[in-house]
């Protein structure tokens, strides 16, 4: 259900409206001078995926990462 409220009404009841969107799942359109300016929507449920280790196995090392490819006097 979409509900339209003015900026001044939203400012006065912001926390109450956020709670309503979170619990009821409604969408609130915030208007400024009668024109839609913003939309307050519920977020999706948090994903069970973890970001840790997500890129494992996607990088391929080629050659010596710390070498310059040049022979140094200290290597002799």
PDB file of N, CA and C in Angstrom:
ATOM      1  N   UNK A   1       0.838  -1.181   0.000  1.00  0.00           N
ATOM      2  CA  UNK A   1       0.000   0.000   0.000  1.00  0.00           C
ATOM      3  C   UNK A   1       0.885   1.246   0.000  1.00  0.00           C
ATOM      4  N   UNK A   2       0.649   2.152  -0.915  1.00  0.00           N
ATOM      5  CA  UNK A   2       1.396   3.407  -0.977  1.00  0.00           C
ATOM      6  C   UNK A   2       0.657   4.484  -0.200  1.00  0.00           C
ATOM      7  N   UNK A   3       1.397   5.203   0.626  1.00  0.00           N
ATOM      8  CA  UNK A   3       0.854   6.310   1.400  1.00  0.00           C
ATOM      9  C   UNK A   3       1.653   7.543   1.018  1.00  0.00           C
ATOM     10  N   UNK A   4       0.977   8.662   0.824  1.00  0.00           N
ATOM     11  CA  UNK A   4       1.650   9.901   0.467  1.00  0.00           C
ATOM     12  C   UNK A   4       1.535  10.885   1.628  1.00  0.00           C
ATOM     13  N   UNK A   5       2.674  11.458   2.043  1.00  0.00           N
ATOM     14  CA  UNK A   5       2.685  12.430   3.135  1.00  0.00           C
ATOM     15  C   UNK A   5       3.552  13.626   2.742  1.00  0.00           C
ATOM     16  N   UNK A   6       3.261  14.755   3.345  1.00  0.00           N
ATOM     17  CA  UNK A   6       4.065  15.954   3.072  1.00  0.00           C
ATOM     18  C   UNK A   6       5.355  15.886   3.886  1.00  0.00           C
ATOM     19  N   UNK A   7       6.322  16.678   3.475  1.00  0.00           N
ATOM     20  CA  UNK A   7       7.607  16.740   4.167  1.00  0.00           C
ATOM     21  C   UNK A   7       7.414  17.147   5.621  1.00  0.00           C
ATOM     22  N   UNK A   8       6.571  18.128   5.873  1.00  0.00           N
ATOM     23  CA  UNK A   8       6.365  18.596   7.246  1.00  0.00           C
ATOM     24  C   UNK A   8       5.721  17.503   8.104  1.00  0.00           C
ATOM     25  N   UNK A   9       4.785  16.743   7.538  1.00  0.00           N
ATOM     26  CA  UNK A   9       4.167  15.644   8.274  1.00  0.00           C
ATOM     27  C   UNK A   9       5.196  14.541   8.530  1.00  0.00           C
ATOM     28  N   UNK A  10       6.031  14.258   7.532  1.00  0.00           N
ATOM     29  CA  UNK A  10       7.067  13.240   7.705  1.00  0.00           C
ATOM     30  C   UNK A  10       8.061  13.661   8.785  1.00  0.00           C
ATOM     31  N   UNK A  11       8.445  14.929   8.760  1.00  0.00           N
ATOM     32  CA  UNK A  11       9.404  15.434   9.743  1.00  0.00           C
ATOM     33  C   UNK A  11       8.848  15.297  11.159  1.00  0.00           C
ATOM     34  N   UNK A  12       7.574  15.550  11.337  1.00  0.00           N
ATOM     35  CA  UNK A  12       6.959  15.485  12.659  1.00  0.00           C
ATOM     36  C   UNK A  12       6.796  14.048  13.152  1.00  0.00           C
ATOM     37  N   UNK A  13       6.630  13.090  12.237  1.00  0.00           N
ATOM     38  CA  UNK A  13       6.334  11.710  12.633  1.00  0.00           C
ATOM     39  C   UNK A  13       7.315  10.711  12.022  1.00  0.00           C
ATOM     40  N   UNK A  14       8.539  11.123  11.805  1.00  0.00           N
ATOM     41  CA  UNK A  14       9.540  10.311  11.112  1.00  0.00           C
ATOM     42  C   UNK A  14       9.726   8.929  11.748  1.00  0.00           C
ATOM     43  N   UNK A  15      10.014   8.860  13.032  1.00  0.00           N
ATOM     44  CA  UNK A  15      10.289   7.580  13.681  1.00  0.00           C
ATOM     45  C   UNK A  15       9.076   6.656  13.639  1.00  0.00           C
ATOM     46  N   UNK A  16       7.895   7.218  13.839  1.00  0.00           N
ATOM     47  CA  UNK A  16       6.673   6.428  13.783  1.00  0.00           C
ATOM     48  C   UNK A  16       6.477   5.848  12.377  1.00  0.00           C
ATOM     49  N   UNK A  17       6.749   6.636  11.355  1.00  0.00           N
ATOM     50  CA  UNK A  17       6.590   6.169   9.974  1.00  0.00           C
ATOM     51  C   UNK A  17       7.621   5.096   9.627  1.00  0.00           C
ATOM     52  N   UNK A  18       8.843   5.249  10.112  1.00  0.00           N
ATOM     53  CA  UNK A  18       9.870   4.231   9.869  1.00  0.00           C
ATOM     54  C   UNK A  18       9.461   2.911  10.507  1.00  0.00           C
ATOM     55  N   UNK A  19       8.947   2.968  11.730  1.00  0.00           N
ATOM     56  CA  UNK A  19       8.462   1.756  12.388  1.00  0.00           C
ATOM     57  C   UNK A  19       7.323   1.121  11.595  1.00  0.00           C
ATOM     58  N   UNK A  20       6.419   1.948  11.084  1.00  0.00           N
ATOM     59  CA  UNK A  20       5.291   1.440  10.300  1.00  0.00           C
ATOM     60  C   UNK A  20       5.770   0.734   9.030  1.00  0.00           C
ATOM     61  N   UNK A  21       6.703   1.342   8.334  1.00  0.00           N
ATOM     62  CA  UNK A  21       7.236   0.740   7.102  1.00  0.00           C
ATOM     63  C   UNK A  21       7.940  -0.574   7.428  1.00  0.00           C
ATOM     64  N   UNK A  22       8.679  -0.587   8.517  1.00  0.00           N
ATOM     65  CA  UNK A  22       9.425  -1.786   8.901  1.00  0.00           C
ATOM     66  C   UNK A  22       8.486  -2.937   9.265  1.00  0.00           C
ATOM     67  N   UNK A  23       7.425  -2.645   9.991  1.00  0.00           N
ATOM     68  CA  UNK A  23       6.537  -3.718  10.446  1.00  0.00           C
ATOM     69  C   UNK A  23       5.465  -4.082   9.425  1.00  0.00           C
ATOM     70  N   UNK A  24       4.903  -3.107   8.723  1.00  0.00           N
ATOM     71  CA  UNK A  24       3.800  -3.359   7.800  1.00  0.00           C
ATOM     72  C   UNK A  24       4.247  -3.596   6.367  1.00  0.00           C
ATOM     73  N   UNK A  25       5.441  -3.109   6.020  1.00  0.00           N
ATOM     74  CA  UNK A  25       5.937  -3.277   4.660  1.00  0.00           C
ATOM     75  C   UNK A  25       5.350  -2.291   3.663  1.00  0.00           C
ATOM     76  N   UNK A  26       4.676  -1.262   4.147  1.00  0.00           N
ATOM     77  CA  UNK A  26       4.102  -0.255   3.255  1.00  0.00           C
ATOM     78  C   UNK A  26       5.182   0.664   2.698  1.00  0.00           C
ATOM     79  N   UNK A  27       4.839   1.352   1.622  1.00  0.00           N
ATOM     80  CA  UNK A  27       5.729   2.336   1.003  1.00  0.00           C
ATOM     81  C   UNK A  27       5.156   3.717   1.282  1.00  0.00           C
ATOM     82  N   UNK A  28       6.001   4.644   1.727  1.00  0.00           N
ATOM     83  CA  UNK A  28       5.555   6.012   1.991  1.00  0.00           C
ATOM     84  C   UNK A  28       6.256   6.943   1.002  1.00  0.00           C
ATOM     85  N   UNK A  29       5.468   7.687   0.245  1.00  0.00           N
ATOM     86  CA  UNK A  29       5.994   8.678  -0.695  1.00  0.00           C
ATOM     87  C   UNK A  29       5.938  10.026   0.002  1.00  0.00           C
ATOM     88  N   UNK A  30       7.086  10.690   0.064  1.00  0.00           N
ATOM     89  CA  UNK A  30       7.190  11.986   0.742  1.00  0.00           C
ATOM     90  C   UNK A  30       7.144  13.073  -0.321  1.00  0.00           C
ATOM     91  N   UNK A  31       6.229  14.014  -0.139  1.00  0.00           N
ATOM     92  CA  UNK A  31       6.053  15.067  -1.137  1.00  0.00           C
ATOM     93  C   UNK A  31       6.551  16.406  -0.618  1.00  0.00           C
ATOM     94  N   UNK A  32       7.004  17.220  -1.556  1.00  0.00           N
ATOM     95  CA  UNK A  32       7.442  18.584  -1.241  1.00  0.00           C
ATOM     96  C   UNK A  32       6.722  19.500  -2.223  1.00  0.00           C
ATOM     97  N   UNK A  33       5.939  20.393  -1.710  1.00  0.00           N
ATOM     98  CA  UNK A  33       5.106  21.279  -2.522  1.00  0.00           C
ATOM     99  C   UNK A  33       4.203  20.484  -3.459  1.00  0.00           C
ATOM    100  N   UNK A  34       3.711  19.347  -2.974  1.00  0.00           N
ATOM    101  CA  UNK A  34       2.768  18.538  -3.741  1.00  0.00           C
ATOM    102  C   UNK A  34       3.399  17.603  -4.760  1.00  0.00           C
ATOM    103  N   UNK A  35       4.712  17.671  -4.921  1.00  0.00           N
ATOM    104  CA  UNK A  35       5.417  16.817  -5.890  1.00  0.00           C
ATOM    105  C   UNK A  35       6.195  15.739  -5.139  1.00  0.00           C
ATOM    106  N   UNK A  36       6.189  14.501  -5.628  1.00  0.00           N
ATOM    107  CA  UNK A  36       6.966  13.447  -4.973  1.00  0.00           C
ATOM    108  C   UNK A  36       8.446  13.815  -4.913  1.00  0.00           C
ATOM    109  N   UNK A  37       9.035  13.684  -3.720  1.00  0.00           N
ATOM    110  CA  UNK A  37      10.437  14.053  -3.535  1.00  0.00           C
ATOM    111  C   UNK A  37      11.282  12.867  -3.082  1.00  0.00           C
ATOM    112  N   UNK A  38      10.685  11.943  -2.339  1.00  0.00           N
ATOM    113  CA  UNK A  38      11.437  10.800  -1.830  1.00  0.00           C
ATOM    114  C   UNK A  38      10.463   9.663  -1.545  1.00  0.00           C
ATOM    115  N   UNK A  39      11.056   8.477  -1.372  1.00  0.00           N
ATOM    116  CA  UNK A  39      10.241   7.303  -1.085  1.00  0.00           C
ATOM    117  C   UNK A  39      10.880   6.537   0.065  1.00  0.00           C
ATOM    118  N   UNK A  40      10.077   6.176   1.057  1.00  0.00           N
ATOM    119  CA  UNK A  40      10.528   5.381   2.180  1.00  0.00           C
ATOM    120  C   UNK A  40      10.002   3.971   1.969  1.00  0.00           C
ATOM    121  N   UNK A  41      10.928   3.029   1.770  1.00  0.00           N
ATOM    122  CA  UNK A  41      10.552   1.645   1.476  1.00  0.00           C
ATOM    123  C   UNK A  41      11.223   0.711   2.467  1.00  0.00           C
ATOM    124  N   UNK A  42      10.604  -0.444   2.745  1.00  0.00           N
ATOM    125  CA  UNK A  42      11.255  -1.399   3.645  1.00  0.00           C
ATOM    126  C   UNK A  42      12.442  -2.061   2.949  1.00  0.00           C
ATOM    127  N   UNK A  43      13.458  -2.395   3.715  1.00  0.00           N
ATOM    128  CA  UNK A  43      14.611  -3.081   3.136  1.00  0.00           C
ATOM    129  C   UNK A  43      14.336  -4.576   3.102  1.00  0.00           C
ATOM    130  N   UNK A  44      15.040  -5.268   2.246  1.00  0.00           N
ATOM    131  CA  UNK A  44      14.918  -6.714   2.175  1.00  0.00           C
ATOM    132  C   UNK A  44      15.532  -7.333   3.414  1.00  0.00           C
ATOM    133  N   UNK A  45      15.129  -8.560   3.695  1.00  0.00           N
ATOM    134  CA  UNK A  45      15.703  -9.284   4.833  1.00  0.00           C
ATOM    135  C   UNK A  45      17.196  -9.471   4.598  1.00  0.00           C
ATOM    136  N   UNK A  46      18.000  -9.416   5.655  1.00  0.00           N
ATOM    137  CA  UNK A  46      19.441  -9.592   5.476  1.00  0.00           C
ATOM    138  C   UNK A  46      19.767 -10.969   4.898  1.00  0.00           C
ATOM    139  N   UNK A  47      20.712 -10.979   4.029  1.00  0.00           N
ATOM    140  CA  UNK A  47      21.139 -12.213   3.374  1.00  0.00           C
ATOM    141  C   UNK A  47      21.960 -13.065   4.332  1.00  0.00           C
ATOM    142  N   UNK A  48      21.899 -14.366   4.151  1.00  0.00           N
ATOM    143  CA  UNK A  48      22.678 -15.286   4.975  1.00  0.00           C
ATOM    144  C   UNK A  48      24.120 -15.390   4.472  1.00  0.00           C
ATOM    145  N   UNK A  49      24.384 -14.829   3.291  1.00  0.00           N
ATOM    146  CA  UNK A  49      25.730 -14.877   2.728  1.00  0.00           C
ATOM    147  C   UNK A  49      26.680 -14.027   3.553  1.00  0.00           C
ATOM    148  N   UNK A  50      27.916 -14.433   3.585  1.00  0.00           N
ATOM    149  CA  UNK A  50      28.944 -13.642   4.245  1.00  0.00           C
ATOM    150  C   UNK A  50      29.886 -13.089   3.187  1.00  0.00           C
ATOM    151  N   UNK A  51      30.439 -11.928   3.441  1.00  0.00           N
ATOM    152  CA  UNK A  51      31.370 -11.322   2.489  1.00  0.00           C
ATOM    153  C   UNK A  51      32.768 -11.889   2.658  1.00  0.00           C
ATOM    154  N   UNK A  52      33.055 -12.467   3.817  1.00  0.00           N
ATOM    155  CA  UNK A  52      34.385 -12.981   4.075  1.00  0.00           C
ATOM    156  C   UNK A  52      34.661 -14.167   3.158  1.00  0.00           C
ATOM    157  N   UNK A  53      35.724 -14.098   2.389  1.00  0.00           N
ATOM    158  CA  UNK A  53      36.119 -15.197   1.509  1.00  0.00           C
ATOM    159  C   UNK A  53      35.381 -15.234   0.195  1.00  0.00           C
ATOM    160  N   UNK A  54      34.604 -14.229  -0.113  1.00  0.00           N
ATOM    161  CA  UNK A  54      33.794 -14.225  -1.326  1.00  0.00           C
ATOM    162  C   UNK A  54      34.655 -14.265  -2.597  1.00  0.00           C
ATOM    163  N   UNK A  55      35.829 -13.661  -2.581  1.00  0.00           N
ATOM    164  CA  UNK A  55      36.676 -13.618  -3.774  1.00  0.00           C
ATOM    165  C   UNK A  55      37.731 -14.714  -3.812  1.00  0.00           C
ATOM    166  N   UNK A  56      37.636 -15.694  -2.918  1.00  0.00           N
ATOM    167  CA  UNK A  56      38.637 -16.764  -2.872  1.00  0.00           C
ATOM    168  C   UNK A  56      38.702 -17.499  -4.200  1.00  0.00           C
ATOM    169  N   UNK A  57      39.917 -17.681  -4.690  1.00  0.00           N
ATOM    170  CA  UNK A  57      40.126 -18.414  -5.932  1.00  0.00           C
ATOM    171  C   UNK A  57      39.920 -17.595  -7.193  1.00  0.00           C
ATOM    172  N   UNK A  58      39.719 -16.306  -7.077  1.00  0.00           N
ATOM    173  CA  UNK A  58      39.487 -15.480  -8.260  1.00  0.00           C
ATOM    174  C   UNK A  58      40.734 -14.736  -8.734  1.00  0.00           C
ATOM    175  N   UNK A  59      41.821 -14.796  -7.970  1.00  0.00           N
ATOM    176  CA  UNK A  59      43.050 -14.103  -8.327  1.00  0.00           C
ATOM    177  C   UNK A  59      44.097 -15.130  -8.744  1.00  0.00           C
ATOM    178  N   UNK A  60      44.799 -14.833  -9.823  1.00  0.00           N
ATOM    179  CA  UNK A  60      45.826 -15.739 -10.328  1.00  0.00           C
ATOM    180  C   UNK A  60      47.178 -15.016 -10.287  1.00  0.00           C
ATOM    181  N   UNK A  61      48.135 -15.580  -9.561  1.00  0.00           N
ATOM    182  CA  UNK A  61      49.464 -14.982  -9.476  1.00  0.00           C
ATOM    183  C   UNK A  61      50.300 -15.448 -10.666  1.00  0.00           C
ATOM    184  N   UNK A  62      51.003 -14.533 -11.283  1.00  0.00           N
ATOM    185  CA  UNK A  62      51.892 -14.867 -12.393  1.00  0.00           C
ATOM    186  C   UNK A  62      53.266 -14.293 -12.094  1.00  0.00           C
ATOM    187  N   UNK A  63      54.236 -15.152 -11.913  1.00  0.00           N
ATOM    188  CA  UNK A  63      55.594 -14.694 -11.666  1.00  0.00           C
ATOM    189  C   UNK A  63      55.810 -14.307 -10.217  1.00  0.00           C
ATOM    190  N   UNK A  64      56.914 -13.613  -9.985  1.00  0.00           N
ATOM    191  CA  UNK A  64      57.301 -13.186  -8.652  1.00  0.00           C
ATOM    192  C   UNK A  64      56.646 -11.838  -8.354  1.00  0.00           C
ATOM    193  N   UNK A  65      55.770 -11.810  -7.383  1.00  0.00           N
ATOM    194  CA  UNK A  65      55.060 -10.575  -7.065  1.00  0.00           C
ATOM    195  C   UNK A  65      55.969  -9.481  -6.533  1.00  0.00           C
ATOM    196  N   UNK A  66      57.054  -9.876  -5.853  1.00  0.00           N
ATOM    197  CA  UNK A  66      57.920  -8.896  -5.215  1.00  0.00           C
ATOM    198  C   UNK A  66      59.208  -8.633  -5.996  1.00  0.00           C
ATOM    199  N   UNK A  67      59.424  -9.319  -7.071  1.00  0.00           N
ATOM    200  CA  UNK A  67      60.639  -9.135  -7.859  1.00  0.00           C
ATOM    201  C   UNK A  67      60.487  -8.053  -8.906  1.00  0.00           C
ATOM    202  N   UNK A  68      61.620  -7.514  -9.314  1.00  0.00           N
ATOM    203  CA  UNK A  68      61.615  -6.482 -10.353  1.00  0.00           C
ATOM    204  C   UNK A  68      61.998  -7.046 -11.709  1.00  0.00           C
ATOM    205  N   UNK A  69      62.495  -8.302 -11.699  1.00  0.00           N
ATOM    206  CA  UNK A  69      62.945  -8.889 -12.949  1.00  0.00           C
ATOM    207  C   UNK A  69      64.389  -8.543 -13.277  1.00  0.00           C
ATOM    208  N   UNK A  70      65.012  -7.729 -12.456  1.00  0.00           N
ATOM    209  CA  UNK A  70      66.399  -7.299 -12.660  1.00  0.00           C
ATOM    210  C   UNK A  70      67.301  -8.009 -11.666  1.00  0.00           C
ATOM    211  N   UNK A  71      68.543  -8.321 -12.093  1.00  0.00           N
ATOM    212  CA  UNK A  71      69.535  -8.909 -11.192  1.00  0.00           C
ATOM    213  C   UNK A  71      70.159  -7.803 -10.339  1.00  0.00           C
ATOM    214  N   UNK A  72      70.275  -8.054  -9.052  1.00  0.00           N
ATOM    215  CA  UNK A  72      70.835  -7.092  -8.129  1.00  0.00           C
ATOM    216  C   UNK A  72      72.237  -7.565  -7.723  1.00  0.00           C
ATOM    217  N   UNK A  73      73.088  -6.620  -7.377  1.00  0.00           N
ATOM    218  CA  UNK A  73      74.444  -6.968  -6.927  1.00  0.00           C
ATOM    219  C   UNK A  73      74.377  -7.795  -5.651  1.00  0.00           C
ATOM    220  N   UNK A  74      73.402  -7.589  -4.811  1.00  0.00           N
ATOM    221  CA  UNK A  74      73.306  -8.322  -3.556  1.00  0.00           C
ATOM    222  C   UNK A  74      72.941  -9.780  -3.776  1.00  0.00           C
ATOM    223  N   UNK A  75      72.399 -10.124  -4.930  1.00  0.00           N
ATOM    224  CA  UNK A  75      72.033 -11.497  -5.224  1.00  0.00           C
ATOM    225  C   UNK A  75      73.254 -12.350  -5.598  1.00  0.00           C
ATOM    226  N   UNK A  76      74.368 -11.742  -5.906  1.00  0.00           N
ATOM    227  CA  UNK A  76      75.550 -12.479  -6.376  1.00  0.00           C
ATOM    228  C   UNK A  76      76.333 -13.082  -5.261  1.00  0.00           C
TER     229      UNK A  76
END
